Amino acid sequence: MTNEPEPSSLASQTIAGFLDALNAKVPTPGGGAAAAITGATAAATAGMVVSYSINKKSLAQHQAFNVDAQGKLNAIRATFLQLGDDDAAGYGVLNALWKLDQDHPDRIAGWEAAVDGAISPPRAMVGLAVEMLELCEQLIPTTNRQLKSDLGVAGVLGQAAARSAGWNVKINIPLLPSDDQDCAHKAVDAQLAQAQRLCDAIETGCR
C-alpha cells in the first residue's frame, strides 16, 4: 500500500485545482476522472438549456417533461462525479495488488474483486453517457431553440465522455477471465456505437 494522501472528491475541487492535479505526475486523477468531468459538464450544459426552457410560454406544453429532465440531468451530473471518485478508488486497490507477487495470498484473494472495482465505474460511465445522450435527443423539440448550439455541445461532450470512459473499460478487459473478454468488448463497442448515433442525431437536430 502507498502512503499517498487520499485524493479529494471531484465535486469538492476547483476547476483549476483539478486540472493541476490531472497534470501532475500522480496516479489519480487520470483518464477516468477526465471522463467523469466531461460527462458531468455535458449534463450541466444540457441542464442550462433546460433551465432556459422551463417556464417559457412558448414551451408550456413541454413544461412537465422539461422539469423532469432537469431533475434527471442533475442526478446524472452528480453520478458522473461519484463514478469518477469510484474509478480512482478502484484503481488504487488494483494498483496495490498489482505490485504484489502473483502468488501472494492477498493478491489471490482480492484480485477478482479488484478487477471488478476497476472496470465497473468506467462501464457505468459509458452507460450513463448513453442515457444522457438519449435524453438530450428528446430535448431537441422541447427546449429553447436559441440554445440549440449549447444542446449540440452537450451532445458532443456526452459522446466524448462515453468514448473516454470506454478506453478505461478496454484497458481493463484483459484482466477479466478469458471467457468474459469477448463479451465485454462487444458490449462496450455496442454502447459506443449507440453514443455515436445519438450524438449525430443531436447535432443534426440542433442545426
C-alpha atoms as a PDB file:
ATOM      1  CA  MET A   1       0.000   0.000   0.000  1.00  0.00           C
ATOM      2  CA  THR A   2       1.115   3.572  -0.631  1.00  0.00           C
ATOM      3  CA  ASN A   3       1.273   6.404   1.855  1.00  0.00           C
ATOM      4  CA  GLU A   4      -0.057   8.940  -0.633  1.00  0.00           C
ATOM      5  CA  PRO A   5      -2.810  11.185   0.721  1.00  0.00           C
ATOM      6  CA  GLU A   6      -6.375  10.382  -0.216  1.00  0.00           C
ATOM      7  CA  PRO A   7      -7.468  12.487  -3.205  1.00  0.00           C
ATOM      8  CA  SER A   8     -10.251  14.941  -2.536  1.00  0.00           C
ATOM      9  CA  SER A   9     -13.576  14.192  -4.195  1.00  0.00           C
ATOM     10  CA  LEU A  10     -14.113  15.557  -7.685  1.00  0.00           C
ATOM     11  CA  ALA A  11     -17.130  17.516  -6.510  1.00  0.00           C
ATOM     12  CA  SER A  12     -15.082  19.375  -3.893  1.00  0.00           C
ATOM     13  CA  GLN A  13     -12.305  20.533  -6.218  1.00  0.00           C
ATOM     14  CA  THR A  14     -11.980  23.790  -8.094  1.00  0.00           C
ATOM     15  CA  ILE A  15     -11.553  23.605 -11.850  1.00  0.00           C
ATOM     16  CA  ALA A  16      -8.001  24.909 -11.607  1.00  0.00           C
ATOM     17  CA  GLY A  17      -7.185  22.558  -8.749  1.00  0.00           C
ATOM     18  CA  PHE A  18      -8.484  19.558 -10.669  1.00  0.00           C
ATOM     19  CA  LEU A  19      -6.524  20.470 -13.784  1.00  0.00           C
ATOM     20  CA  ASP A  20      -3.354  20.951 -11.738  1.00  0.00           C
ATOM     21  CA  ALA A  21      -3.850  17.521 -10.159  1.00  0.00           C
ATOM     22  CA  LEU A  22      -4.628  15.927 -13.528  1.00  0.00           C
ATOM     23  CA  ASN A  23      -1.482  17.482 -14.976  1.00  0.00           C
ATOM     24  CA  ALA A  24       0.735  16.196 -12.154  1.00  0.00           C
ATOM     25  CA  LYS A  25       2.803  13.000 -12.070  1.00  0.00           C
ATOM     26  CA  VAL A  26       0.404  11.174  -9.742  1.00  0.00           C
ATOM     27  CA  PRO A  27      -1.752   8.083 -10.402  1.00  0.00           C
ATOM     28  CA  THR A  28      -5.048   9.843  -9.818  1.00  0.00           C
ATOM     29  CA  PRO A  29      -6.832  11.808 -11.081  1.00  0.00           C
ATOM     30  CA  GLY A  30      -6.309  10.325 -14.522  1.00  0.00           C
ATOM     31  CA  GLY A  31      -8.311   9.457 -17.594  1.00  0.00           C
ATOM     32  CA  GLY A  32     -11.218   8.132 -15.551  1.00  0.00           C
ATOM     33  CA  ALA A  33     -11.606  11.432 -13.748  1.00  0.00           C
ATOM     34  CA  ALA A  34     -11.328  13.305 -17.045  1.00  0.00           C
ATOM     35  CA  ALA A  35     -14.140  11.171 -18.469  1.00  0.00           C
ATOM     36  CA  ALA A  36     -16.269  11.816 -15.381  1.00  0.00           C
ATOM     37  CA  ILE A  37     -15.736  15.571 -15.506  1.00  0.00           C
ATOM     38  CA  THR A  38     -16.556  15.572 -19.217  1.00  0.00           C
ATOM     39  CA  GLY A  39     -19.800  13.704 -18.570  1.00  0.00           C
ATOM     40  CA  ALA A  40     -20.739  15.983 -15.695  1.00  0.00           C
ATOM     41  CA  THR A  41     -20.015  19.028 -17.866  1.00  0.00           C
ATOM     42  CA  ALA A  42     -22.221  17.626 -20.617  1.00  0.00           C
ATOM     43  CA  ALA A  43     -25.063  17.126 -18.139  1.00  0.00           C
ATOM     44  CA  ALA A  44     -24.639  20.645 -16.766  1.00  0.00           C
ATOM     45  CA  THR A  45     -24.624  22.128 -20.273  1.00  0.00           C
ATOM     46  CA  ALA A  46     -27.835  20.309 -21.159  1.00  0.00           C
ATOM     47  CA  GLY A  47     -29.222  21.399 -17.802  1.00  0.00           C
ATOM     48  CA  MET A  48     -28.593  25.027 -18.717  1.00  0.00           C
ATOM     49  CA  VAL A  49     -30.590  24.563 -21.909  1.00  0.00           C
ATOM     50  CA  VAL A  50     -33.456  23.119 -19.883  1.00  0.00           C
ATOM     51  CA  SER A  51     -33.250  25.934 -17.328  1.00  0.00           C
ATOM     52  CA  TYR A  52     -33.788  28.459 -20.119  1.00  0.00           C
ATOM     53  CA  SER A  53     -36.774  26.442 -21.352  1.00  0.00           C
ATOM     54  CA  ILE A  54     -38.710  25.931 -18.121  1.00  0.00           C
ATOM     55  CA  ASN A  55     -41.498  28.500 -17.588  1.00  0.00           C
ATOM     56  CA  LYS A  56     -41.135  29.726 -21.166  1.00  0.00           C
ATOM     57  CA  LYS A  57     -44.636  30.434 -22.506  1.00  0.00           C
ATOM     58  CA  SER A  58     -43.932  29.130 -25.986  1.00  0.00           C
ATOM     59  CA  LEU A  59     -42.817  25.806 -24.489  1.00  0.00           C
ATOM     60  CA  ALA A  60     -45.613  25.469 -21.930  1.00  0.00           C
ATOM     61  CA  GLN A  61     -46.748  22.165 -23.446  1.00  0.00           C
ATOM     62  CA  HIS A  62     -43.314  20.711 -22.627  1.00  0.00           C
ATOM     63  CA  GLN A  63     -43.108  22.095 -19.080  1.00  0.00           C
ATOM     64  CA  ALA A  64     -43.633  18.802 -17.254  1.00  0.00           C
ATOM     65  CA  PHE A  65     -41.140  16.965 -19.442  1.00  0.00           C
ATOM     66  CA  ASN A  66     -38.521  19.673 -19.072  1.00  0.00           C
ATOM     67  CA  VAL A  67     -38.890  19.829 -15.290  1.00  0.00           C
ATOM     68  CA  ASP A  68     -38.459  16.060 -15.123  1.00  0.00           C
ATOM     69  CA  ALA A  69     -35.455  16.264 -17.454  1.00  0.00           C
ATOM     70  CA  GLN A  70     -33.835  18.896 -15.257  1.00  0.00           C
ATOM     71  CA  GLY A  71     -34.032  16.569 -12.266  1.00  0.00           C
ATOM     72  CA  LYS A  72     -32.594  13.687 -14.281  1.00  0.00           C
ATOM     73  CA  LEU A  73     -29.707  15.802 -15.557  1.00  0.00           C
ATOM     74  CA  ASN A  74     -28.879  16.981 -12.048  1.00  0.00           C
ATOM     75  CA  ALA A  75     -28.765  13.347 -10.915  1.00  0.00           C
ATOM     76  CA  ILE A  76     -26.650  12.330 -13.913  1.00  0.00           C
ATOM     77  CA  ARG A  77     -24.173  15.107 -13.200  1.00  0.00           C
ATOM     78  CA  ALA A  78     -23.787  14.017  -9.576  1.00  0.00           C
ATOM     79  CA  THR A  79     -23.462  10.375 -10.587  1.00  0.00           C
ATOM     80  CA  PHE A  80     -20.672  11.122 -13.029  1.00  0.00           C
ATOM     81  CA  LEU A  81     -18.706  12.828 -10.269  1.00  0.00           C
ATOM     82  CA  GLN A  82     -19.286   9.915  -7.896  1.00  0.00           C
ATOM     83  CA  LEU A  83     -18.202   7.438 -10.571  1.00  0.00           C
ATOM     84  CA  GLY A  84     -15.034   9.457 -11.051  1.00  0.00           C
ATOM     85  CA  ASP A  85     -14.265   9.034  -7.361  1.00  0.00           C
ATOM     86  CA  ASP A  86     -15.146   5.339  -7.562  1.00  0.00           C
ATOM     87  CA  ASP A  87     -12.837   4.940 -10.543  1.00  0.00           C
ATOM     88  CA  ALA A  88      -9.911   6.440  -8.624  1.00  0.00           C
ATOM     89  CA  ALA A  89     -10.610   4.240  -5.610  1.00  0.00           C
ATOM     90  CA  GLY A  90     -10.866   1.144  -7.774  1.00  0.00           C
ATOM     91  CA  TYR A  91      -7.602   1.924  -9.487  1.00  0.00           C
ATOM     92  CA  GLY A  92      -5.902   2.380  -6.127  1.00  0.00           C
ATOM     93  CA  VAL A  93      -6.952  -1.064  -4.906  1.00  0.00           C
ATOM     94  CA  LEU A  94      -5.980  -2.782  -8.145  1.00  0.00           C
ATOM     95  CA  ASN A  95      -2.654  -0.965  -8.334  1.00  0.00           C
ATOM     96  CA  ALA A  96      -1.769  -2.009  -4.794  1.00  0.00           C
ATOM     97  CA  LEU A  97      -2.453  -5.670  -5.564  1.00  0.00           C
ATOM     98  CA  TRP A  98      -0.614  -5.412  -8.884  1.00  0.00           C
ATOM     99  CA  LYS A  99       2.594  -4.630  -7.013  1.00  0.00           C
ATOM    100  CA  LEU A 100       2.386  -7.889  -5.067  1.00  0.00           C
ATOM    101  CA  ASP A 101       3.756 -11.189  -6.303  1.00  0.00           C
ATOM    102  CA  GLN A 102       1.174 -13.140  -8.289  1.00  0.00           C
ATOM    103  CA  ASP A 103       1.162 -15.895  -5.680  1.00  0.00           C
ATOM    104  CA  HIS A 104       0.781 -13.518  -2.727  1.00  0.00           C
ATOM    105  CA  PRO A 105      -2.280 -14.543  -0.685  1.00  0.00           C
ATOM    106  CA  ASP A 106      -3.686 -11.009  -0.617  1.00  0.00           C
ATOM    107  CA  ARG A 107      -3.447 -10.729  -4.395  1.00  0.00           C
ATOM    108  CA  ILE A 108      -5.036 -14.113  -4.971  1.00  0.00           C
ATOM    109  CA  ALA A 109      -7.859 -13.389  -2.540  1.00  0.00           C
ATOM    110  CA  GLY A 110      -8.596  -9.865  -3.705  1.00  0.00           C
ATOM    111  CA  TRP A 111      -7.792  -9.893  -7.401  1.00  0.00           C
ATOM    112  CA  GLU A 112     -11.217 -10.687  -8.849  1.00  0.00           C
ATOM    113  CA  ALA A 113     -12.965  -8.062  -6.736  1.00  0.00           C
ATOM    114  CA  ALA A 114     -10.253  -5.518  -7.515  1.00  0.00           C
ATOM    115  CA  VAL A 115     -10.619  -6.016 -11.257  1.00  0.00           C
ATOM    116  CA  ASP A 116     -14.373  -5.605 -10.934  1.00  0.00           C
ATOM    117  CA  GLY A 117     -13.821  -2.461  -8.861  1.00  0.00           C
ATOM    118  CA  ALA A 118     -11.605  -1.018 -11.572  1.00  0.00           C
ATOM    119  CA  ILE A 119     -13.769  -1.835 -14.571  1.00  0.00           C
ATOM    120  CA  SER A 120     -17.244  -1.223 -13.121  1.00  0.00           C
ATOM    121  CA  PRO A 121     -17.036   2.596 -12.762  1.00  0.00           C
ATOM    122  CA  PRO A 122     -15.998   3.290 -16.368  1.00  0.00           C
ATOM    123  CA  ARG A 123     -18.543   0.754 -17.591  1.00  0.00           C
ATOM    124  CA  ALA A 124     -21.195   2.651 -15.667  1.00  0.00           C
ATOM    125  CA  MET A 125     -19.948   5.944 -17.122  1.00  0.00           C
ATOM    126  CA  VAL A 126     -20.386   4.651 -20.661  1.00  0.00           C
ATOM    127  CA  GLY A 127     -23.927   3.571 -19.886  1.00  0.00           C
ATOM    128  CA  LEU A 128     -24.701   6.833 -18.126  1.00  0.00           C
ATOM    129  CA  ALA A 129     -23.394   8.832 -21.074  1.00  0.00           C
ATOM    130  CA  VAL A 130     -25.686   6.919 -23.427  1.00  0.00           C
ATOM    131  CA  GLU A 131     -28.609   7.552 -21.082  1.00  0.00           C
ATOM    132  CA  MET A 132     -27.821  11.265 -21.055  1.00  0.00           C
ATOM    133  CA  LEU A 133     -27.474  11.403 -24.839  1.00  0.00           C
ATOM    134  CA  GLU A 134     -30.881   9.737 -25.210  1.00  0.00           C
ATOM    135  CA  LEU A 135     -32.352  12.449 -23.006  1.00  0.00           C
ATOM    136  CA  CYS A 136     -30.573  15.207 -24.950  1.00  0.00           C
ATOM    137  CA  GLU A 137     -32.058  13.888 -28.181  1.00  0.00           C
ATOM    138  CA  GLN A 138     -35.518  14.074 -26.609  1.00  0.00           C
ATOM    139  CA  LEU A 139     -34.836  17.668 -25.560  1.00  0.00           C
ATOM    140  CA  ILE A 140     -34.368  18.899 -29.123  1.00  0.00           C
ATOM    141  CA  PRO A 141     -38.068  19.714 -29.714  1.00  0.00           C
ATOM    142  CA  THR A 142     -38.880  20.646 -26.109  1.00  0.00           C
ATOM    143  CA  THR A 143     -36.255  23.297 -25.403  1.00  0.00           C
ATOM    144  CA  ASN A 144     -35.369  26.842 -26.368  1.00  0.00           C
ATOM    145  CA  ARG A 145     -34.052  26.864 -29.933  1.00  0.00           C
ATOM    146  CA  GLN A 146     -31.903  29.875 -29.152  1.00  0.00           C
ATOM    147  CA  LEU A 147     -29.731  27.493 -27.139  1.00  0.00           C
ATOM    148  CA  LYS A 148     -29.503  24.791 -29.795  1.00  0.00           C
ATOM    149  CA  SER A 149     -25.744  25.252 -30.036  1.00  0.00           C
ATOM    150  CA  ASP A 150     -25.441  24.549 -26.313  1.00  0.00           C
ATOM    151  CA  LEU A 151     -27.501  21.381 -26.656  1.00  0.00           C
ATOM    152  CA  GLY A 152     -25.203  20.395 -29.502  1.00  0.00           C
ATOM    153  CA  VAL A 153     -22.222  20.954 -27.230  1.00  0.00           C
ATOM    154  CA  ALA A 154     -23.860  18.737 -24.609  1.00  0.00           C
ATOM    155  CA  GLY A 155     -24.201  16.023 -27.224  1.00  0.00           C
ATOM    156  CA  VAL A 156     -20.585  16.258 -28.308  1.00  0.00           C
ATOM    157  CA  LEU A 157     -19.359  16.236 -24.712  1.00  0.00           C
ATOM    158  CA  GLY A 158     -21.632  13.336 -23.869  1.00  0.00           C
ATOM    159  CA  GLN A 159     -20.168  11.259 -26.666  1.00  0.00           C
ATOM    160  CA  ALA A 160     -16.674  12.283 -25.603  1.00  0.00           C
ATOM    161  CA  ALA A 161     -17.443  11.089 -22.079  1.00  0.00           C
ATOM    162  CA  ALA A 162     -18.628   7.738 -23.420  1.00  0.00           C
ATOM    163  CA  ARG A 163     -15.566   7.283 -25.611  1.00  0.00           C
ATOM    164  CA  SER A 164     -13.213   8.384 -22.838  1.00  0.00           C
ATOM    165  CA  ALA A 165     -14.735   6.007 -20.319  1.00  0.00           C
ATOM    166  CA  GLY A 166     -14.685   3.315 -22.984  1.00  0.00           C
ATOM    167  CA  TRP A 167     -10.901   3.490 -23.059  1.00  0.00           C
ATOM    168  CA  ASN A 168     -10.816   2.793 -19.337  1.00  0.00           C
ATOM    169  CA  VAL A 169     -13.085  -0.199 -19.809  1.00  0.00           C
ATOM    170  CA  LYS A 170     -10.992  -1.608 -22.628  1.00  0.00           C
ATOM    171  CA  ILE A 171      -7.669  -1.239 -20.825  1.00  0.00           C
ATOM    172  CA  ASN A 172      -9.036  -3.458 -18.064  1.00  0.00           C
ATOM    173  CA  ILE A 173     -10.741  -6.100 -20.209  1.00  0.00           C
ATOM    174  CA  PRO A 174      -7.556  -8.216 -20.499  1.00  0.00           C
ATOM    175  CA  LEU A 175      -7.680  -8.609 -16.709  1.00  0.00           C
ATOM    176  CA  LEU A 176     -11.075 -10.328 -16.902  1.00  0.00           C
ATOM    177  CA  PRO A 177     -11.358 -14.119 -17.191  1.00  0.00           C
ATOM    178  CA  SER A 178     -10.645 -15.076 -20.796  1.00  0.00           C
ATOM    179  CA  ASP A 179     -14.183 -16.377 -21.328  1.00  0.00           C
ATOM    180  CA  ASP A 180     -15.617 -12.955 -20.439  1.00  0.00           C
ATOM    181  CA  GLN A 181     -13.365 -10.760 -22.565  1.00  0.00           C
ATOM    182  CA  ASP A 182     -15.069 -11.066 -25.943  1.00  0.00           C
ATOM    183  CA  CYS A 183     -18.480 -10.343 -24.452  1.00  0.00           C
ATOM    184  CA  ALA A 184     -17.082  -7.313 -22.632  1.00  0.00           C
ATOM    185  CA  HIS A 185     -15.573  -5.915 -25.832  1.00  0.00           C
ATOM    186  CA  LYS A 186     -18.818  -6.394 -27.750  1.00  0.00           C
ATOM    187  CA  ALA A 187     -20.876  -4.773 -25.013  1.00  0.00           C
ATOM    188  CA  VAL A 188     -18.809  -1.609 -24.790  1.00  0.00           C
ATOM    189  CA  ASP A 189     -18.463  -1.355 -28.579  1.00  0.00           C
ATOM    190  CA  ALA A 190     -22.254  -1.539 -28.926  1.00  0.00           C
ATOM    191  CA  GLN A 191     -22.693   1.238 -26.367  1.00  0.00           C
ATOM    192  CA  LEU A 192     -20.102   3.421 -28.071  1.00  0.00           C
ATOM    193  CA  ALA A 193     -21.806   2.905 -31.417  1.00  0.00           C
ATOM    194  CA  GLN A 194     -25.083   3.974 -29.829  1.00  0.00           C
ATOM    195  CA  ALA A 195     -23.392   7.058 -28.375  1.00  0.00           C
ATOM    196  CA  GLN A 196     -22.118   7.941 -31.847  1.00  0.00           C
ATOM    197  CA  ARG A 197     -25.586   7.559 -33.385  1.00  0.00           C
ATOM    198  CA  LEU A 198     -27.154   9.689 -30.679  1.00  0.00           C
ATOM    199  CA  CYS A 199     -24.536  12.412 -30.961  1.00  0.00           C
ATOM    200  CA  ASP A 200     -25.037  12.520 -34.728  1.00  0.00           C
ATOM    201  CA  ALA A 201     -28.810  12.794 -34.242  1.00  0.00           C
ATOM    202  CA  ILE A 202     -28.412  15.582 -31.688  1.00  0.00           C
ATOM    203  CA  GLU A 203     -26.077  17.578 -33.895  1.00  0.00           C
ATOM    204  CA  THR A 204     -28.385  17.130 -36.876  1.00  0.00           C
ATOM    205  CA  GLY A 205     -31.413  18.135 -34.836  1.00  0.00           C
ATOM    206  CA  CYS A 206     -29.700  21.249 -33.499  1.00  0.00           C
ATOM    207  CA  ARG A 207     -28.734  22.631 -36.887  1.00  0.00           C
END
